[in-house]
Amino acid sequence: MTIRPELNVRIRDFIAVCMRYGIDLDYTKVLNLFAELGRNWLEQSSRSERETARNIWDRYLDYNKLEASEAISDWYEYQEFRRWKASAKKSSTEARA
């Protein structure tokens, strides 16, 4: 995985600030934290909210194509399906025990 240099600096700055306050974070924890926050925002955002971050989207993909497609909805529905499937499997396993 390659992290853009300016993001690497921001991640390391966040770790340093947290350490000053006794909050123990490493690089992997911060990446996972930011990824999960971003995922939650994406799942809950509206098109107009996503538009406010268009400058970021455009660095990585064709934002117009993304919004014109059903990619975000399909991705979110897939995540919901995976959660449902895991829950059903857990329930099935517990019922057998």
N, C-alpha and C. Protein backbone atom coordinates (compact mmCIF):
# COMPACT_ATOMS: atom_id res chain seq x y z
N MET A 1 0.84 -1.15 0.00
CA MET A 1 0.00 0.00 0.00
C MET A 1 0.91 1.23 0.00
N THR A 2 0.53 2.21 -0.78
CA THR A 2 1.28 3.46 -0.83
C THR A 2 0.40 4.58 -0.28
N ILE A 3 0.93 5.28 0.69
CA ILE A 3 0.22 6.42 1.28
C ILE A 3 0.83 7.68 0.71
N ARG A 4 -0.02 8.58 0.23
CA ARG A 4 0.49 9.84 -0.31
C ARG A 4 1.25 10.58 0.78
N PRO A 5 2.37 11.23 0.43
CA PRO A 5 3.23 11.87 1.43
C PRO A 5 2.49 12.85 2.35
N GLU A 6 1.60 13.66 1.80
CA GLU A 6 0.90 14.63 2.66
C GLU A 6 -0.06 13.93 3.64
N LEU A 7 -0.61 12.79 3.25
CA LEU A 7 -1.46 12.04 4.18
C LEU A 7 -0.62 11.35 5.24
N ASN A 8 0.54 10.87 4.85
CA ASN A 8 1.46 10.28 5.81
C ASN A 8 1.82 11.28 6.90
N VAL A 9 2.08 12.50 6.51
CA VAL A 9 2.41 13.55 7.49
C VAL A 9 1.23 13.77 8.43
N ARG A 10 0.02 13.85 7.88
CA ARG A 10 -1.17 14.08 8.71
C ARG A 10 -1.39 12.94 9.69
N ILE A 11 -1.18 11.70 9.23
CA ILE A 11 -1.34 10.54 10.10
C ILE A 11 -0.33 10.59 11.23
N ARG A 12 0.92 10.85 10.88
CA ARG A 12 1.97 10.90 11.90
C ARG A 12 1.76 12.06 12.88
N ASP A 13 1.28 13.19 12.38
CA ASP A 13 0.96 14.32 13.26
C ASP A 13 -0.15 13.95 14.24
N PHE A 14 -1.17 13.24 13.74
CA PHE A 14 -2.27 12.81 14.61
C PHE A 14 -1.76 11.88 15.71
N ILE A 15 -0.88 10.95 15.34
CA ILE A 15 -0.30 10.03 16.31
C ILE A 15 0.49 10.81 17.37
N ALA A 16 1.29 11.77 16.92
CA ALA A 16 2.11 12.56 17.84
C ALA A 16 1.26 13.35 18.82
N VAL A 17 0.21 13.98 18.33
CA VAL A 17 -0.67 14.76 19.21
C VAL A 17 -1.34 13.83 20.23
N CYS A 18 -1.82 12.70 19.77
CA CYS A 18 -2.46 11.75 20.69
C CYS A 18 -1.48 11.27 21.76
N MET A 19 -0.25 11.01 21.35
CA MET A 19 0.76 10.55 22.30
C MET A 19 1.01 11.58 23.40
N ARG A 20 0.97 12.87 23.04
CA ARG A 20 1.17 13.93 24.05
C ARG A 20 0.11 13.87 25.13
N TYR A 21 -1.05 13.31 24.81
CA TYR A 21 -2.15 13.23 25.77
C TYR A 21 -2.32 11.81 26.33
N GLY A 22 -1.30 10.97 26.12
CA GLY A 22 -1.32 9.63 26.67
C GLY A 22 -2.22 8.65 25.94
N ILE A 23 -2.57 8.97 24.70
CA ILE A 23 -3.40 8.08 23.88
C ILE A 23 -2.47 7.26 22.99
N ASP A 24 -2.50 5.96 23.19
CA ASP A 24 -1.58 5.06 22.50
C ASP A 24 -2.16 4.63 21.15
N LEU A 25 -1.56 5.13 20.08
CA LEU A 25 -1.97 4.76 18.73
C LEU A 25 -0.73 4.42 17.92
N ASP A 26 -0.90 3.47 17.01
CA ASP A 26 0.16 3.23 16.04
C ASP A 26 -0.40 3.52 14.66
N TYR A 27 0.44 3.43 13.68
CA TYR A 27 0.07 3.79 12.31
C TYR A 27 -1.12 2.97 11.81
N THR A 28 -1.09 1.67 12.06
CA THR A 28 -2.16 0.79 11.60
C THR A 28 -3.48 1.15 12.26
N LYS A 29 -3.45 1.43 13.56
CA LYS A 29 -4.69 1.81 14.26
C LYS A 29 -5.28 3.09 13.65
N VAL A 30 -4.42 4.04 13.35
CA VAL A 30 -4.91 5.30 12.77
C VAL A 30 -5.49 5.06 11.38
N LEU A 31 -4.82 4.27 10.56
CA LEU A 31 -5.37 3.96 9.24
C LEU A 31 -6.74 3.29 9.35
N ASN A 32 -6.85 2.33 10.26
CA ASN A 32 -8.14 1.67 10.45
C ASN A 32 -9.18 2.63 10.99
N LEU A 33 -8.80 3.49 11.91
CA LEU A 33 -9.72 4.50 12.45
C LEU A 33 -10.25 5.40 11.34
N PHE A 34 -9.34 5.95 10.55
CA PHE A 34 -9.74 6.85 9.47
C PHE A 34 -10.57 6.13 8.41
N ALA A 35 -10.19 4.88 8.11
CA ALA A 35 -10.94 4.12 7.12
C ALA A 35 -12.36 3.84 7.61
N GLU A 36 -12.49 3.49 8.88
CA GLU A 36 -13.83 3.22 9.42
C GLU A 36 -14.67 4.49 9.50
N LEU A 37 -14.06 5.58 9.90
CA LEU A 37 -14.79 6.85 9.91
C LEU A 37 -15.25 7.23 8.51
N GLY A 38 -14.36 7.04 7.54
CA GLY A 38 -14.71 7.34 6.16
C GLY A 38 -15.80 6.44 5.63
N ARG A 39 -15.72 5.17 5.97
CA ARG A 39 -16.77 4.22 5.55
C ARG A 39 -18.11 4.61 6.15
N ASN A 40 -18.13 4.93 7.44
CA ASN A 40 -19.38 5.34 8.08
C ASN A 40 -19.94 6.59 7.41
N TRP A 41 -19.08 7.55 7.13
CA TRP A 41 -19.55 8.78 6.49
C TRP A 41 -20.12 8.46 5.11
N LEU A 42 -19.43 7.64 4.36
CA LEU A 42 -19.88 7.29 3.01
C LEU A 42 -21.25 6.60 3.06
N GLU A 43 -21.43 5.69 4.00
CA GLU A 43 -22.69 4.96 4.10
C GLU A 43 -23.85 5.88 4.49
N GLN A 44 -23.55 6.95 5.20
CA GLN A 44 -24.62 7.81 5.71
C GLN A 44 -24.75 9.13 4.95
N SER A 45 -23.87 9.39 4.01
CA SER A 45 -23.87 10.69 3.34
C SER A 45 -24.87 10.75 2.20
N SER A 46 -25.32 11.95 1.95
CA SER A 46 -26.18 12.19 0.79
C SER A 46 -25.28 12.66 -0.36
N ARG A 47 -25.86 12.71 -1.53
CA ARG A 47 -25.09 13.18 -2.68
C ARG A 47 -24.58 14.61 -2.45
N SER A 48 -25.42 15.47 -1.88
CA SER A 48 -24.97 16.85 -1.65
C SER A 48 -23.84 16.91 -0.63
N GLU A 49 -23.87 16.04 0.37
CA GLU A 49 -22.77 15.99 1.34
C GLU A 49 -21.49 15.48 0.68
N ARG A 50 -21.62 14.48 -0.19
CA ARG A 50 -20.44 13.97 -0.89
C ARG A 50 -19.87 15.03 -1.83
N GLU A 51 -20.73 15.85 -2.39
CA GLU A 51 -20.30 16.91 -3.30
C GLU A 51 -19.33 17.87 -2.60
N THR A 52 -19.50 18.08 -1.30
CA THR A 52 -18.62 18.99 -0.58
C THR A 52 -17.18 18.49 -0.54
N ALA A 53 -17.00 17.18 -0.75
CA ALA A 53 -15.65 16.60 -0.76
C ALA A 53 -15.22 16.25 -2.19
N ARG A 54 -15.82 16.89 -3.16
CA ARG A 54 -15.54 16.57 -4.56
C ARG A 54 -14.05 16.67 -4.90
N ASN A 55 -13.36 17.65 -4.34
CA ASN A 55 -11.93 17.79 -4.63
C ASN A 55 -11.14 16.55 -4.21
N ILE A 56 -11.59 15.88 -3.17
CA ILE A 56 -10.93 14.64 -2.74
C ILE A 56 -11.31 13.49 -3.66
N TRP A 57 -12.60 13.35 -3.95
CA TRP A 57 -13.05 12.29 -4.87
C TRP A 57 -12.29 12.35 -6.19
N ASP A 58 -12.19 13.55 -6.73
CA ASP A 58 -11.59 13.72 -8.05
C ASP A 58 -10.12 13.32 -8.11
N ARG A 59 -9.44 13.28 -6.97
CA ARG A 59 -8.04 12.82 -6.96
C ARG A 59 -7.93 11.33 -7.27
N TYR A 60 -8.99 10.59 -6.97
CA TYR A 60 -8.91 9.14 -7.04
C TYR A 60 -9.80 8.49 -8.09
N LEU A 61 -10.87 9.14 -8.49
CA LEU A 61 -11.79 8.53 -9.44
C LEU A 61 -12.62 9.60 -10.15
N ASP A 62 -13.37 9.18 -11.13
CA ASP A 62 -14.27 10.07 -11.86
C ASP A 62 -15.54 10.23 -11.03
N TYR A 63 -15.63 11.33 -10.30
CA TYR A 63 -16.74 11.55 -9.37
C TYR A 63 -18.09 11.55 -10.09
N ASN A 64 -18.18 12.18 -11.24
CA ASN A 64 -19.44 12.22 -11.97
C ASN A 64 -19.90 10.81 -12.33
N LYS A 65 -18.98 9.97 -12.75
CA LYS A 65 -19.31 8.59 -13.10
C LYS A 65 -19.77 7.83 -11.86
N LEU A 66 -19.11 8.07 -10.74
CA LEU A 66 -19.49 7.41 -9.49
C LEU A 66 -20.92 7.77 -9.12
N GLU A 67 -21.24 9.04 -9.13
CA GLU A 67 -22.58 9.47 -8.73
C GLU A 67 -23.65 9.06 -9.75
N ALA A 68 -23.28 8.98 -11.02
CA ALA A 68 -24.24 8.57 -12.05
C ALA A 68 -24.54 7.07 -11.96
N SER A 69 -23.66 6.33 -11.36
CA SER A 69 -23.84 4.88 -11.24
C SER A 69 -24.56 4.56 -9.93
N GLU A 70 -24.75 3.30 -9.71
CA GLU A 70 -25.32 2.82 -8.45
C GLU A 70 -24.23 2.24 -7.55
N ALA A 71 -22.99 2.61 -7.81
CA ALA A 71 -21.85 1.99 -7.11
C ALA A 71 -21.96 2.13 -5.59
N ILE A 72 -22.26 3.31 -5.09
CA ILE A 72 -22.31 3.51 -3.64
C ILE A 72 -23.45 2.70 -3.04
N SER A 73 -24.63 2.74 -3.66
CA SER A 73 -25.77 1.96 -3.16
C SER A 73 -25.48 0.47 -3.20
N ASP A 74 -24.91 0.01 -4.30
CA ASP A 74 -24.58 -1.41 -4.41
C ASP A 74 -23.56 -1.82 -3.35
N TRP A 75 -22.57 -0.98 -3.13
CA TRP A 75 -21.55 -1.27 -2.13
C TRP A 75 -22.18 -1.33 -0.74
N TYR A 76 -23.03 -0.36 -0.43
CA TYR A 76 -23.68 -0.33 0.88
C TYR A 76 -24.57 -1.56 1.07
N GLU A 77 -25.36 -1.91 0.05
CA GLU A 77 -26.22 -3.09 0.14
C GLU A 77 -25.40 -4.36 0.33
N TYR A 78 -24.26 -4.44 -0.32
CA TYR A 78 -23.39 -5.60 -0.15
C TYR A 78 -22.88 -5.68 1.28
N GLN A 79 -22.52 -4.53 1.86
CA GLN A 79 -22.07 -4.52 3.25
C GLN A 79 -23.19 -4.98 4.18
N GLU A 80 -24.41 -4.52 3.93
CA GLU A 80 -25.56 -4.94 4.73
C GLU A 80 -25.77 -6.46 4.61
N PHE A 81 -25.67 -6.98 3.38
CA PHE A 81 -25.82 -8.42 3.16
C PHE A 81 -24.76 -9.19 3.94
N ARG A 82 -23.53 -8.73 3.90
CA ARG A 82 -22.45 -9.42 4.62
C ARG A 82 -22.72 -9.43 6.12
N ARG A 83 -23.22 -8.31 6.67
CA ARG A 83 -23.55 -8.26 8.10
C ARG A 83 -24.69 -9.23 8.42
N TRP A 84 -25.72 -9.25 7.55
CA TRP A 84 -26.85 -10.16 7.76
C TRP A 84 -26.38 -11.61 7.72
N LYS A 85 -25.54 -11.93 6.74
CA LYS A 85 -25.04 -13.30 6.58
C LYS A 85 -24.23 -13.72 7.81
N ALA A 86 -23.37 -12.84 8.31
CA ALA A 86 -22.57 -13.14 9.50
C ALA A 86 -23.46 -13.33 10.71
N SER A 87 -24.49 -12.49 10.84
CA SER A 87 -25.42 -12.60 11.96
C SER A 87 -26.19 -13.91 11.89
N ALA A 88 -26.65 -14.28 10.69
CA ALA A 88 -27.39 -15.53 10.52
C ALA A 88 -26.51 -16.73 10.85
N LYS A 89 -25.26 -16.67 10.44
CA LYS A 89 -24.33 -17.77 10.72
C LYS A 89 -24.09 -17.89 12.22
N LYS A 90 -23.93 -16.74 12.89
CA LYS A 90 -23.71 -16.74 14.34
C LYS A 90 -24.92 -17.32 15.06
N SER A 91 -26.13 -16.91 14.65
CA SER A 91 -27.36 -17.40 15.26
C SER A 91 -27.50 -18.91 15.06
N SER A 92 -27.17 -19.37 13.87
CA SER A 92 -27.24 -20.79 13.55
C SER A 92 -26.28 -21.59 14.42
N THR A 93 -25.08 -21.07 14.58
CA THR A 93 -24.06 -21.73 15.39
C THR A 93 -24.49 -21.77 16.86
N GLU A 94 -25.04 -20.67 17.35
CA GLU A 94 -25.49 -20.62 18.75
C GLU A 94 -26.67 -21.55 19.00
N ALA A 95 -27.55 -21.67 18.02
CA ALA A 95 -28.72 -22.53 18.15
C ALA A 95 -28.32 -24.01 18.26
N ARG A 96 -27.24 -24.37 17.57
CA ARG A 96 -26.77 -25.75 17.60
C ARG A 96 -26.04 -26.07 18.90
N ALA A 97 -25.55 -25.05 19.59
CA ALA A 97 -24.74 -25.28 20.79
C ALA A 97 -25.58 -25.60 22.01
